[in-house]
Amino acid sequence: MRAVIQRVSSASVTIDGKVRSAIGPGLMILLGVGHEDGREDIDWLVKKIAGLRIFDDEAGVMNRSVVEVGGEALVVSQFTLMASTKKGNRPSYIAAAGHGLAVPLYEAFCAALSASIGRTVATGEFGADMKVALVNDGPVTICIDTKNKE
């Protein structure tokens, strides 16, 4: 699994001209699911994201997690995160999981993150043409790949 985590002041997902989800301060997470991913990737990634100390404490130092600040989370599926650009200029998406595997893992990730941060996670719609808007706070953007834990 690959995730791009952004600390945001606000974020939203619009589908067919209608806002599907919106959050205030918290995390905007773009999630790519690979065909080799499983439950262990979800568990590791959720623990890592929920514990990331990327929110300011009273001294203005990034020392608090989304849980500690009571932040929200919006998770959007994005298979293009699994792109390989090793050859040529056209990305290959062969590492991306197919719909049958990706949807249950995406849903399980959202449920696990929700349980971990203690609040409902907002979502996009898997496979939909989504318009994502956000105000990156900082900016703070972190990329995590569960296959590169070391």
C-alpha atoms as a PDB file:
ATOM      1  CA  MET A   1       0.000   0.000   0.000  1.00  0.00           C
ATOM      2  CA  ARG A   2       1.104   3.485  -0.734  1.00  0.00           C
ATOM      3  CA  ALA A   3      -0.272   6.553   0.981  1.00  0.00           C
ATOM      4  CA  VAL A   4       0.194  10.252   0.533  1.00  0.00           C
ATOM      5  CA  ILE A   5      -0.763  11.934   3.802  1.00  0.00           C
ATOM      6  CA  GLN A   6      -1.362  15.661   3.884  1.00  0.00           C
ATOM      7  CA  ARG A   7      -2.025  17.778   6.948  1.00  0.00           C
ATOM      8  CA  VAL A   8      -4.958  19.949   5.929  1.00  0.00           C
ATOM      9  CA  SER A   9      -7.034  22.835   7.187  1.00  0.00           C
ATOM     10  CA  SER A  10      -9.891  21.431   5.106  1.00  0.00           C
ATOM     11  CA  ALA A  11     -10.513  18.930   2.312  1.00  0.00           C
ATOM     12  CA  SER A  12     -13.428  17.690   0.244  1.00  0.00           C
ATOM     13  CA  VAL A  13     -14.383  15.258  -2.495  1.00  0.00           C
ATOM     14  CA  THR A  14     -16.928  16.203  -5.147  1.00  0.00           C
ATOM     15  CA  ILE A  15     -18.537  13.660  -7.492  1.00  0.00           C
ATOM     16  CA  ASP A  16     -20.832  14.690 -10.349  1.00  0.00           C
ATOM     17  CA  GLY A  17     -20.986  18.237  -8.992  1.00  0.00           C
ATOM     18  CA  LYS A  18     -22.084  17.155  -5.497  1.00  0.00           C
ATOM     19  CA  VAL A  19     -19.896  17.193  -2.404  1.00  0.00           C
ATOM     20  CA  ARG A  20     -19.583  13.602  -1.228  1.00  0.00           C
ATOM     21  CA  SER A  21     -17.402  14.269   1.829  1.00  0.00           C
ATOM     22  CA  ALA A  22     -15.749  17.197   3.541  1.00  0.00           C
ATOM     23  CA  ILE A  23     -13.552  17.585   6.601  1.00  0.00           C
ATOM     24  CA  GLY A  24     -12.047  20.357   8.659  1.00  0.00           C
ATOM     25  CA  PRO A  25      -8.546  20.224  10.167  1.00  0.00           C
ATOM     26  CA  GLY A  26      -6.949  16.801   9.937  1.00  0.00           C
ATOM     27  CA  LEU A  27      -5.521  14.426   7.359  1.00  0.00           C
ATOM     28  CA  MET A  28      -6.203  14.017   3.647  1.00  0.00           C
ATOM     29  CA  ILE A  29      -5.018  10.538   2.662  1.00  0.00           C
ATOM     30  CA  LEU A  30      -4.631   9.292  -0.900  1.00  0.00           C
ATOM     31  CA  LEU A  31      -4.417   5.490  -0.793  1.00  0.00           C
ATOM     32  CA  GLY A  32      -3.065   3.145  -3.458  1.00  0.00           C
ATOM     33  CA  VAL A  33      -3.634  -0.588  -3.059  1.00  0.00           C
ATOM     34  CA  GLY A  34      -1.277  -3.102  -4.666  1.00  0.00           C
ATOM     35  CA  HIS A  35      -2.028  -6.673  -5.702  1.00  0.00           C
ATOM     36  CA  GLU A  36       0.400  -7.970  -3.039  1.00  0.00           C
ATOM     37  CA  ASP A  37      -1.208  -6.030  -0.184  1.00  0.00           C
ATOM     38  CA  GLY A  38      -3.101  -7.602   2.689  1.00  0.00           C
ATOM     39  CA  ARG A  39      -4.305  -7.147   6.251  1.00  0.00           C
ATOM     40  CA  GLU A  40      -0.788  -6.766   7.634  1.00  0.00           C
ATOM     41  CA  ASP A  41      -0.274  -3.733   5.367  1.00  0.00           C
ATOM     42  CA  ILE A  42      -3.491  -2.174   6.641  1.00  0.00           C
ATOM     43  CA  ASP A  43      -2.595  -2.738  10.288  1.00  0.00           C
ATOM     44  CA  TRP A  44       0.925  -1.335   9.921  1.00  0.00           C
ATOM     45  CA  LEU A  45      -0.156   1.677   7.856  1.00  0.00           C
ATOM     46  CA  VAL A  46      -3.080   2.609  10.112  1.00  0.00           C
ATOM     47  CA  LYS A  47      -0.851   2.473  13.195  1.00  0.00           C
ATOM     48  CA  LYS A  48       1.772   4.604  11.451  1.00  0.00           C
ATOM     49  CA  ILE A  49      -0.710   7.230  10.204  1.00  0.00           C
ATOM     50  CA  ALA A  50      -2.654   7.504  13.479  1.00  0.00           C
ATOM     51  CA  GLY A  51       0.605   8.011  15.358  1.00  0.00           C
ATOM     52  CA  LEU A  52       2.295  10.480  12.998  1.00  0.00           C
ATOM     53  CA  ARG A  53       3.305  13.501  15.043  1.00  0.00           C
ATOM     54  CA  ILE A  54       2.719  16.172  12.413  1.00  0.00           C
ATOM     55  CA  PHE A  55       0.439  18.588  14.261  1.00  0.00           C
ATOM     56  CA  ASP A  56       1.772  21.492  16.291  1.00  0.00           C
ATOM     57  CA  ASP A  57       1.882  21.479  20.068  1.00  0.00           C
ATOM     58  CA  GLU A  58       1.555  24.621  22.181  1.00  0.00           C
ATOM     59  CA  ALA A  59       5.170  25.542  21.357  1.00  0.00           C
ATOM     60  CA  GLY A  60       4.541  25.336  17.613  1.00  0.00           C
ATOM     61  CA  VAL A  61       6.539  22.115  17.244  1.00  0.00           C
ATOM     62  CA  MET A  62       5.138  19.202  15.221  1.00  0.00           C
ATOM     63  CA  ASN A  63       4.688  16.883  18.178  1.00  0.00           C
ATOM     64  CA  ARG A  64       1.036  15.771  18.167  1.00  0.00           C
ATOM     65  CA  SER A  65      -0.894  13.140  16.251  1.00  0.00           C
ATOM     66  CA  VAL A  66      -4.279  13.447  14.574  1.00  0.00           C
ATOM     67  CA  VAL A  67      -5.730  11.596  17.558  1.00  0.00           C
ATOM     68  CA  GLU A  68      -4.238  14.035  20.060  1.00  0.00           C
ATOM     69  CA  VAL A  69      -5.608  17.091  18.234  1.00  0.00           C
ATOM     70  CA  GLY A  70      -9.019  15.535  17.532  1.00  0.00           C
ATOM     71  CA  GLY A  71      -8.501  15.886  13.780  1.00  0.00           C
ATOM     72  CA  GLU A  72     -10.582  14.384  11.026  1.00  0.00           C
ATOM     73  CA  ALA A  73      -9.524  12.171   8.121  1.00  0.00           C
ATOM     74  CA  LEU A  74     -10.581  11.869   4.486  1.00  0.00           C
ATOM     75  CA  VAL A  75      -9.401   8.810   2.546  1.00  0.00           C
ATOM     76  CA  VAL A  76      -9.528   8.726  -1.250  1.00  0.00           C
ATOM     77  CA  SER A  77      -8.599   5.659  -3.297  1.00  0.00           C
ATOM     78  CA  GLN A  78      -6.006   6.402  -5.960  1.00  0.00           C
ATOM     79  CA  PHE A  79      -4.696   3.506  -8.027  1.00  0.00           C
ATOM     80  CA  THR A  80      -2.278   5.831  -9.849  1.00  0.00           C
ATOM     81  CA  LEU A  81      -0.105   5.858  -6.714  1.00  0.00           C
ATOM     82  CA  MET A  82       0.921   2.352  -7.727  1.00  0.00           C
ATOM     83  CA  ALA A  83       2.347   3.598 -11.044  1.00  0.00           C
ATOM     84  CA  SER A  84       5.761   2.537 -12.237  1.00  0.00           C
ATOM     85  CA  THR A  85       7.675   4.988 -14.401  1.00  0.00           C
ATOM     86  CA  LYS A  86      10.789   2.869 -14.882  1.00  0.00           C
ATOM     87  CA  LYS A  87      10.401   2.507 -18.642  1.00  0.00           C
ATOM     88  CA  GLY A  88       9.310   5.188 -21.070  1.00  0.00           C
ATOM     89  CA  ASN A  89       6.951   8.053 -20.396  1.00  0.00           C
ATOM     90  CA  ARG A  90       3.692   6.167 -20.037  1.00  0.00           C
ATOM     91  CA  PRO A  91       3.179   4.931 -16.456  1.00  0.00           C
ATOM     92  CA  SER A  92       2.456   1.259 -15.904  1.00  0.00           C
ATOM     93  CA  TYR A  93      -0.223   0.336 -13.375  1.00  0.00           C
ATOM     94  CA  ILE A  94       0.493  -3.394 -13.298  1.00  0.00           C
ATOM     95  CA  ALA A  95       1.252  -3.248  -9.541  1.00  0.00           C
ATOM     96  CA  ALA A  96      -2.212  -1.859  -8.737  1.00  0.00           C
ATOM     97  CA  ALA A  97      -4.705  -4.310  -7.276  1.00  0.00           C
ATOM     98  CA  GLY A  98      -7.759  -5.207  -9.299  1.00  0.00           C
ATOM     99  CA  HIS A  99     -11.198  -4.045  -8.218  1.00  0.00           C
ATOM    100  CA  GLY A 100     -12.009  -7.359  -6.481  1.00  0.00           C
ATOM    101  CA  LEU A 101      -9.060  -7.031  -4.085  1.00  0.00           C
ATOM    102  CA  ALA A 102      -8.686  -3.263  -3.896  1.00  0.00           C
ATOM    103  CA  VAL A 103     -12.245  -2.427  -2.800  1.00  0.00           C
ATOM    104  CA  PRO A 104     -12.313  -4.709   0.273  1.00  0.00           C
ATOM    105  CA  LEU A 105      -8.823  -3.594   1.319  1.00  0.00           C
ATOM    106  CA  TYR A 106      -9.714   0.089   0.873  1.00  0.00           C
ATOM    107  CA  GLU A 107     -12.877  -0.383   2.931  1.00  0.00           C
ATOM    108  CA  ALA A 108     -10.987  -2.342   5.600  1.00  0.00           C
ATOM    109  CA  PHE A 109      -8.346   0.402   5.745  1.00  0.00           C
ATOM    110  CA  CYS A 110     -11.022   3.072   6.235  1.00  0.00           C
ATOM    111  CA  ALA A 111     -12.727   1.037   8.976  1.00  0.00           C
ATOM    112  CA  ALA A 112      -9.431   0.365  10.770  1.00  0.00           C
ATOM    113  CA  LEU A 113      -8.372   4.014  10.588  1.00  0.00           C
ATOM    114  CA  SER A 114     -11.776   5.073  11.876  1.00  0.00           C
ATOM    115  CA  ALA A 115     -11.409   2.762  14.868  1.00  0.00           C
ATOM    116  CA  SER A 116      -7.845   3.934  15.474  1.00  0.00           C
ATOM    117  CA  ILE A 117      -8.581   7.663  15.486  1.00  0.00           C
ATOM    118  CA  GLY A 118     -11.920   7.313  17.256  1.00  0.00           C
ATOM    119  CA  ARG A 119     -14.096   9.000  14.646  1.00  0.00           C
ATOM    120  CA  THR A 120     -15.736   8.246  11.338  1.00  0.00           C
ATOM    121  CA  VAL A 121     -13.414   8.584   8.364  1.00  0.00           C
ATOM    122  CA  ALA A 122     -14.779  10.481   5.373  1.00  0.00           C
ATOM    123  CA  THR A 123     -14.309   8.799   2.001  1.00  0.00           C
ATOM    124  CA  GLY A 124     -14.464   9.259  -1.695  1.00  0.00           C
ATOM    125  CA  GLU A 125     -16.121   6.683  -3.945  1.00  0.00           C
ATOM    126  CA  PHE A 126     -13.955   3.870  -5.224  1.00  0.00           C
ATOM    127  CA  GLY A 127     -13.503   4.105  -8.994  1.00  0.00           C
ATOM    128  CA  ALA A 128     -15.452   7.360  -9.390  1.00  0.00           C
ATOM    129  CA  ASP A 129     -14.216  10.472 -11.191  1.00  0.00           C
ATOM    130  CA  MET A 130     -13.578  12.617  -8.133  1.00  0.00           C
ATOM    131  CA  LYS A 131     -12.626  16.233  -7.759  1.00  0.00           C
ATOM    132  CA  VAL A 132     -10.489  16.567  -4.647  1.00  0.00           C
ATOM    133  CA  ALA A 133      -9.979  19.961  -3.048  1.00  0.00           C
ATOM    134  CA  LEU A 134      -7.773  20.673  -0.064  1.00  0.00           C
ATOM    135  CA  VAL A 135      -5.933  23.354   1.797  1.00  0.00           C
ATOM    136  CA  ASN A 136      -2.579  21.837   2.721  1.00  0.00           C
ATOM    137  CA  ASP A 137      -1.561  23.159   6.132  1.00  0.00           C
ATOM    138  CA  GLY A 138       2.154  23.851   6.358  1.00  0.00           C
ATOM    139  CA  PRO A 139       2.505  22.427   3.779  1.00  0.00           C
ATOM    140  CA  VAL A 140       2.998  19.026   5.364  1.00  0.00           C
ATOM    141  CA  THR A 141       2.980  16.044   2.994  1.00  0.00           C
ATOM    142  CA  ILE A 142       4.295  12.576   3.874  1.00  0.00           C
ATOM    143  CA  CYS A 143       4.570   9.549   1.559  1.00  0.00           C
ATOM    144  CA  ILE A 144       4.523   6.048   3.019  1.00  0.00           C
ATOM    145  CA  ASP A 145       4.883   2.700   1.249  1.00  0.00           C
ATOM    146  CA  THR A 146       4.237  -0.438   3.311  1.00  0.00           C
ATOM    147  CA  LYS A 147       6.772  -2.311   1.194  1.00  0.00           C
ATOM    148  CA  ASN A 148       9.527   0.097   2.350  1.00  0.00           C
ATOM    149  CA  LYS A 149       9.254  -0.135   6.122  1.00  0.00           C
ATOM    150  CA  GLU A 150      12.980   0.084   6.792  1.00  0.00           C
END
